[in-house]
Amino acid sequence: MAERANAPKLRRAFLRGYRAGDVELSIAKATLELEQLSNELEATRARASAMQSEINDLHNRLDASRRRGLEFDREVAELHEQRKAAERDAAERAEAVVAEAEQRAAALRTEGLRQVGELQQQVEQLLGMRAGLTQALQAAVDSVEIALSQTRSAPARALEAAPQPAESVDAPEQPQPGRWSRDPA
């Protein structure tokens, strides 16, 4: 519209009407403006169509995002339920394991107490045996002391008169008490 204000005015011809050159120039300018406006309208329609396509695409993407969000929420709820079920199962298994462990511990404790009782009986038997052995050793030591005291009081000649065994060439040498060692040969 601002261009129309700048359009040259048509001049009047001598007879009637307007000068043909001015009219043609004005028509050419108007046609040019019309084509320009038509092109702008086409470009605006194309931009509007592109924008509408973009809006439709954005709506589709928004709908897809909402669907994915709903699916995600459902999956999260399912996972939450699965987690709760897994926790319940784990708690039940843990309780079963603890109960089994407590039973096993009680059985082991009972078995341990039984073995301790047996060991105490064995220790008491060993202590009794030790006391008996101590008494037997004491009696043996007393007997040896009596025999030694009797041997000391007996005459030394009886020992000297005892015959000496003859040494044989083929007989293996008898170990002497001073030559014994703790390590076996």
C-alpha atoms as a PDB file:
ATOM      1  CA  MET A   1       0.000   0.000   0.000  1.00  0.00           C
ATOM      2  CA  ALA A   2       2.861   2.346   0.712  1.00  0.00           C
ATOM      3  CA  GLU A   3       4.092   1.711  -2.812  1.00  0.00           C
ATOM      4  CA  ARG A   4       0.762   2.807  -4.233  1.00  0.00           C
ATOM      5  CA  ALA A   5       1.178   6.140  -2.578  1.00  0.00           C
ATOM      6  CA  ASN A   6       4.474   6.472  -4.435  1.00  0.00           C
ATOM      7  CA  ALA A   7       2.931   5.443  -7.749  1.00  0.00           C
ATOM      8  CA  PRO A   8       3.059   8.154 -10.385  1.00  0.00           C
ATOM      9  CA  LYS A   9      -0.161   9.883 -11.082  1.00  0.00           C
ATOM     10  CA  LEU A  10      -1.780   9.269 -14.384  1.00  0.00           C
ATOM     11  CA  ARG A  11      -1.761  12.241 -16.630  1.00  0.00           C
ATOM     12  CA  ARG A  12      -4.725  13.150 -18.761  1.00  0.00           C
ATOM     13  CA  ALA A  13      -4.611  12.893 -22.473  1.00  0.00           C
ATOM     14  CA  PHE A  14      -5.858  15.741 -24.722  1.00  0.00           C
ATOM     15  CA  LEU A  15      -8.910  14.124 -25.926  1.00  0.00           C
ATOM     16  CA  ARG A  16     -10.200  11.794 -23.375  1.00  0.00           C
ATOM     17  CA  GLY A  17      -8.834   9.438 -20.877  1.00  0.00           C
ATOM     18  CA  TYR A  18      -5.288   9.058 -19.751  1.00  0.00           C
ATOM     19  CA  ARG A  19      -2.041   8.814 -21.598  1.00  0.00           C
ATOM     20  CA  ALA A  20      -1.433   5.305 -22.801  1.00  0.00           C
ATOM     21  CA  GLY A  21       2.206   5.170 -21.625  1.00  0.00           C
ATOM     22  CA  ASP A  22       1.251   6.172 -18.099  1.00  0.00           C
ATOM     23  CA  VAL A  23      -1.547   3.631 -18.036  1.00  0.00           C
ATOM     24  CA  GLU A  24       0.714   0.884 -19.337  1.00  0.00           C
ATOM     25  CA  LEU A  25       3.395   1.840 -16.862  1.00  0.00           C
ATOM     26  CA  SER A  26       0.865   1.845 -14.064  1.00  0.00           C
ATOM     27  CA  ILE A  27      -0.538  -1.535 -15.188  1.00  0.00           C
ATOM     28  CA  ALA A  28       2.995  -2.975 -15.436  1.00  0.00           C
ATOM     29  CA  LYS A  29       3.767  -1.694 -11.954  1.00  0.00           C
ATOM     30  CA  ALA A  30       0.483  -3.061 -10.632  1.00  0.00           C
ATOM     31  CA  THR A  31       1.117  -6.403 -12.353  1.00  0.00           C
ATOM     32  CA  LEU A  32       4.593  -6.470 -10.887  1.00  0.00           C
ATOM     33  CA  GLU A  33       3.232  -5.624  -7.439  1.00  0.00           C
ATOM     34  CA  LEU A  34       0.541  -8.266  -7.868  1.00  0.00           C
ATOM     35  CA  GLU A  35       3.119 -10.884  -8.857  1.00  0.00           C
ATOM     36  CA  GLN A  36       5.326  -9.813  -6.001  1.00  0.00           C
ATOM     37  CA  LEU A  37       2.406 -10.052  -3.588  1.00  0.00           C
ATOM     38  CA  SER A  38       1.450 -13.383  -5.116  1.00  0.00           C
ATOM     39  CA  ASN A  39       5.007 -14.658  -4.641  1.00  0.00           C
ATOM     40  CA  GLU A  40       5.042 -13.359  -1.075  1.00  0.00           C
ATOM     41  CA  LEU A  41       1.661 -15.015  -0.531  1.00  0.00           C
ATOM     42  CA  GLU A  42       3.030 -18.298  -1.961  1.00  0.00           C
ATOM     43  CA  ALA A  43       6.133 -18.002   0.246  1.00  0.00           C
ATOM     44  CA  THR A  44       3.985 -17.176   3.267  1.00  0.00           C
ATOM     45  CA  ARG A  45       1.695 -20.119   2.482  1.00  0.00           C
ATOM     46  CA  ALA A  46       4.769 -22.357   2.067  1.00  0.00           C
ATOM     47  CA  ARG A  47       6.144 -21.094   5.388  1.00  0.00           C
ATOM     48  CA  ALA A  48       2.721 -21.579   6.989  1.00  0.00           C
ATOM     49  CA  SER A  49       2.520 -25.062   5.497  1.00  0.00           C
ATOM     50  CA  ALA A  50       6.051 -25.845   6.723  1.00  0.00           C
ATOM     51  CA  MET A  51       5.145 -24.456  10.137  1.00  0.00           C
ATOM     52  CA  GLN A  52       1.948 -26.505  10.145  1.00  0.00           C
ATOM     53  CA  SER A  53       3.980 -29.600   9.209  1.00  0.00           C
ATOM     54  CA  GLU A  54       6.422 -28.760  11.951  1.00  0.00           C
ATOM     55  CA  ILE A  55       3.548 -28.222  14.399  1.00  0.00           C
ATOM     56  CA  ASN A  56       2.016 -31.548  13.339  1.00  0.00           C
ATOM     57  CA  ASP A  57       5.417 -33.216  13.714  1.00  0.00           C
ATOM     58  CA  LEU A  58       5.828 -31.649  17.153  1.00  0.00           C
ATOM     59  CA  HIS A  59       2.322 -32.818  18.119  1.00  0.00           C
ATOM     60  CA  ASN A  60       3.209 -36.327  16.915  1.00  0.00           C
ATOM     61  CA  ARG A  61       6.467 -36.230  18.820  1.00  0.00           C
ATOM     62  CA  LEU A  62       4.673 -34.920  21.905  1.00  0.00           C
ATOM     63  CA  ASP A  63       2.093 -37.719  21.639  1.00  0.00           C
ATOM     64  CA  ALA A  64       4.892 -40.276  21.160  1.00  0.00           C
ATOM     65  CA  SER A  65       6.700 -38.804  24.175  1.00  0.00           C
ATOM     66  CA  ARG A  66       3.544 -39.050  26.241  1.00  0.00           C
ATOM     67  CA  ARG A  67       3.057 -42.674  25.154  1.00  0.00           C
ATOM     68  CA  ARG A  68       6.682 -43.429  25.998  1.00  0.00           C
ATOM     69  CA  GLY A  69       6.215 -41.652  29.325  1.00  0.00           C
ATOM     70  CA  LEU A  70       3.162 -43.777  30.090  1.00  0.00           C
ATOM     71  CA  GLU A  71       5.042 -46.926  29.043  1.00  0.00           C
ATOM     72  CA  PHE A  72       7.970 -45.836  31.182  1.00  0.00           C
ATOM     73  CA  ASP A  73       5.651 -45.246  34.143  1.00  0.00           C
ATOM     74  CA  ARG A  74       4.128 -48.712  33.645  1.00  0.00           C
ATOM     75  CA  GLU A  75       7.582 -50.287  33.402  1.00  0.00           C
ATOM     76  CA  VAL A  76       8.726 -48.425  36.514  1.00  0.00           C
ATOM     77  CA  ALA A  77       5.617 -49.638  38.370  1.00  0.00           C
ATOM     78  CA  GLU A  78       6.292 -53.209  37.177  1.00  0.00           C
ATOM     79  CA  LEU A  79       9.928 -52.959  38.221  1.00  0.00           C
ATOM     80  CA  HIS A  80       8.839 -51.565  41.570  1.00  0.00           C
ATOM     81  CA  GLU A  81       6.513 -54.531  42.061  1.00  0.00           C
ATOM     82  CA  GLN A  82       9.257 -56.947  40.945  1.00  0.00           C
ATOM     83  CA  ARG A  83      11.657 -55.317  43.409  1.00  0.00           C
ATOM     84  CA  LYS A  84       9.117 -55.662  46.221  1.00  0.00           C
ATOM     85  CA  ALA A  85       8.551 -59.324  45.298  1.00  0.00           C
ATOM     86  CA  ALA A  86      12.308 -59.924  45.154  1.00  0.00           C
ATOM     87  CA  GLU A  87      12.737 -58.258  48.544  1.00  0.00           C
ATOM     88  CA  ARG A  88       9.965 -60.425  50.013  1.00  0.00           C
ATOM     89  CA  ASP A  89      11.545 -63.554  48.509  1.00  0.00           C
ATOM     90  CA  ALA A  90      14.968 -62.536  49.791  1.00  0.00           C
ATOM     91  CA  ALA A  91      13.563 -61.869  53.268  1.00  0.00           C
ATOM     92  CA  GLU A  92      11.815 -65.265  53.285  1.00  0.00           C
ATOM     93  CA  ARG A  93      14.991 -67.001  52.096  1.00  0.00           C
ATOM     94  CA  ALA A  94      17.022 -65.119  54.694  1.00  0.00           C
ATOM     95  CA  GLU A  95      14.613 -66.173  57.426  1.00  0.00           C
ATOM     96  CA  ALA A  96      14.798 -69.782  56.230  1.00  0.00           C
ATOM     97  CA  VAL A  97      18.602 -69.660  56.140  1.00  0.00           C
ATOM     98  CA  VAL A  98      18.724 -68.101  59.619  1.00  0.00           C
ATOM     99  CA  ALA A  99      16.310 -70.720  60.982  1.00  0.00           C
ATOM    100  CA  GLU A 100      18.352 -73.501  59.387  1.00  0.00           C
ATOM    101  CA  ALA A 101      21.562 -71.987  60.734  1.00  0.00           C
ATOM    102  CA  GLU A 102      20.057 -71.727  64.217  1.00  0.00           C
ATOM    103  CA  GLN A 103      18.964 -75.374  64.052  1.00  0.00           C
ATOM    104  CA  ARG A 104      22.397 -76.392  62.820  1.00  0.00           C
ATOM    105  CA  ALA A 105      24.044 -74.328  65.573  1.00  0.00           C
ATOM    106  CA  ALA A 106      21.815 -75.939  68.191  1.00  0.00           C
ATOM    107  CA  ALA A 107      22.675 -79.397  66.827  1.00  0.00           C
ATOM    108  CA  LEU A 108      26.385 -78.525  66.800  1.00  0.00           C
ATOM    109  CA  ARG A 109      26.147 -77.123  70.330  1.00  0.00           C
ATOM    110  CA  THR A 110      24.416 -80.302  71.510  1.00  0.00           C
ATOM    111  CA  GLU A 111      27.025 -82.446  69.758  1.00  0.00           C
ATOM    112  CA  GLY A 112      29.797 -80.302  71.222  1.00  0.00           C
ATOM    113  CA  LEU A 113      28.385 -80.656  74.731  1.00  0.00           C
ATOM    114  CA  ARG A 114      28.123 -84.413  74.233  1.00  0.00           C
ATOM    115  CA  GLN A 115      31.726 -84.570  73.035  1.00  0.00           C
ATOM    116  CA  VAL A 116      32.850 -82.395  75.955  1.00  0.00           C
ATOM    117  CA  GLY A 117      31.109 -84.817  78.319  1.00  0.00           C
ATOM    118  CA  GLU A 118      32.840 -87.758  76.657  1.00  0.00           C
ATOM    119  CA  LEU A 119      36.168 -85.940  76.827  1.00  0.00           C
ATOM    120  CA  GLN A 120      35.611 -85.219  80.505  1.00  0.00           C
ATOM    121  CA  GLN A 121      34.925 -88.906  81.088  1.00  0.00           C
ATOM    122  CA  GLN A 122      38.068 -89.812  79.137  1.00  0.00           C
ATOM    123  CA  VAL A 123      40.099 -87.270  81.121  1.00  0.00           C
ATOM    124  CA  GLU A 124      38.744 -88.690  84.354  1.00  0.00           C
ATOM    125  CA  GLN A 125      39.628 -92.203  83.163  1.00  0.00           C
ATOM    126  CA  LEU A 126      43.095 -91.016  82.170  1.00  0.00           C
ATOM    127  CA  LEU A 127      43.549 -89.346  85.537  1.00  0.00           C
ATOM    128  CA  GLY A 128      42.453 -92.579  87.232  1.00  0.00           C
ATOM    129  CA  MET A 129      44.860 -94.533  85.048  1.00  0.00           C
ATOM    130  CA  ARG A 130      47.588 -92.050  85.853  1.00  0.00           C
ATOM    131  CA  ALA A 131      46.936 -92.448  89.566  1.00  0.00           C
ATOM    132  CA  GLY A 132      46.999 -96.238  89.162  1.00  0.00           C
ATOM    133  CA  LEU A 133      50.178 -96.048  87.099  1.00  0.00           C
ATOM    134  CA  THR A 134      51.749 -93.737  89.657  1.00  0.00           C
ATOM    135  CA  GLN A 135      50.886 -96.201  92.400  1.00  0.00           C
ATOM    136  CA  ALA A 136      52.224 -99.096  90.302  1.00  0.00           C
ATOM    137  CA  LEU A 137      55.432 -97.182  89.573  1.00  0.00           C
ATOM    138  CA  GLN A 138      55.784 -96.298  93.243  1.00  0.00           C
ATOM    139  CA  ALA A 139      55.294 -99.954  94.154  1.00  0.00           C
ATOM    140  CA  ALA A 140      57.848-100.961  91.490  1.00  0.00           C
ATOM    141  CA  VAL A 141      60.331 -98.357  92.757  1.00  0.00           C
ATOM    142  CA  ASP A 142      59.764 -99.604  96.316  1.00  0.00           C
ATOM    143  CA  SER A 143      60.337-103.203  95.139  1.00  0.00           C
ATOM    144  CA  VAL A 144      63.516-102.175  93.295  1.00  0.00           C
ATOM    145  CA  GLU A 145      64.751-100.304  96.350  1.00  0.00           C
ATOM    146  CA  ILE A 146      64.057-103.338  98.519  1.00  0.00           C
ATOM    147  CA  ALA A 147      65.850-105.585  96.033  1.00  0.00           C
ATOM    148  CA  LEU A 148      68.780-103.183  95.849  1.00  0.00           C
ATOM    149  CA  SER A 149      69.021-102.926  99.584  1.00  0.00           C
ATOM    150  CA  GLN A 150      68.948-106.718  99.824  1.00  0.00           C
ATOM    151  CA  THR A 151      71.568-106.987  97.086  1.00  0.00           C
ATOM    152  CA  ARG A 152      73.883-104.540  98.839  1.00  0.00           C
ATOM    153  CA  SER A 153      73.632-106.429 102.054  1.00  0.00           C
ATOM    154  CA  ALA A 154      74.319-109.805 100.320  1.00  0.00           C
ATOM    155  CA  PRO A 155      77.950-110.906 100.089  1.00  0.00           C
ATOM    156  CA  ALA A 156      79.901-109.704  97.057  1.00  0.00           C
ATOM    157  CA  ARG A 157      81.489-113.103  96.547  1.00  0.00           C
ATOM    158  CA  ALA A 158      78.335-114.627  95.184  1.00  0.00           C
ATOM    159  CA  LEU A 159      78.485-112.263  92.280  1.00  0.00           C
ATOM    160  CA  GLU A 160      82.163-112.822  91.650  1.00  0.00           C
ATOM    161  CA  ALA A 161      81.746-116.601  91.643  1.00  0.00           C
ATOM    162  CA  ALA A 162      79.118-116.465  88.901  1.00  0.00           C
ATOM    163  CA  PRO A 163      80.505-117.974  85.662  1.00  0.00           C
ATOM    164  CA  GLN A 164      81.351-115.536  82.827  1.00  0.00           C
ATOM    165  CA  PRO A 165      79.913-116.447  79.405  1.00  0.00           C
ATOM    166  CA  ALA A 166      82.477-117.476  76.807  1.00  0.00           C
ATOM    167  CA  GLU A 167      82.974-115.134  73.930  1.00  0.00           C
ATOM    168  CA  SER A 168      82.323-116.608  70.524  1.00  0.00           C
ATOM    169  CA  VAL A 169      84.047-115.475  67.342  1.00  0.00           C
ATOM    170  CA  ASP A 170      80.880-115.866  65.261  1.00  0.00           C
ATOM    171  CA  ALA A 171      78.604-114.138  67.741  1.00  0.00           C
ATOM    172  CA  PRO A 172      77.755-110.569  66.942  1.00  0.00           C
ATOM    173  CA  GLU A 173      79.113-108.028  69.253  1.00  0.00           C
ATOM    174  CA  GLN A 174      76.647-107.101  72.014  1.00  0.00           C
ATOM    175  CA  PRO A 175      76.084-103.429  72.446  1.00  0.00           C
ATOM    176  CA  GLN A 176      77.575-101.985  75.573  1.00  0.00           C
ATOM    177  CA  PRO A 177      75.368 -99.748  77.680  1.00  0.00           C
ATOM    178  CA  GLY A 178      77.754 -96.814  77.237  1.00  0.00           C
ATOM    179  CA  ARG A 179      77.640 -97.209  73.453  1.00  0.00           C
ATOM    180  CA  TRP A 180      73.892 -96.984  73.054  1.00  0.00           C
ATOM    181  CA  SER A 181      72.601 -93.924  71.372  1.00  0.00           C
ATOM    182  CA  ARG A 182      69.159 -92.476  70.935  1.00  0.00           C
ATOM    183  CA  ASP A 183      69.436 -92.512  67.159  1.00  0.00           C
ATOM    184  CA  PRO A 184      68.766 -95.944  65.609  1.00  0.00           C
ATOM    185  CA  ALA A 185      71.491 -97.118  63.210  1.00  0.00           C
END
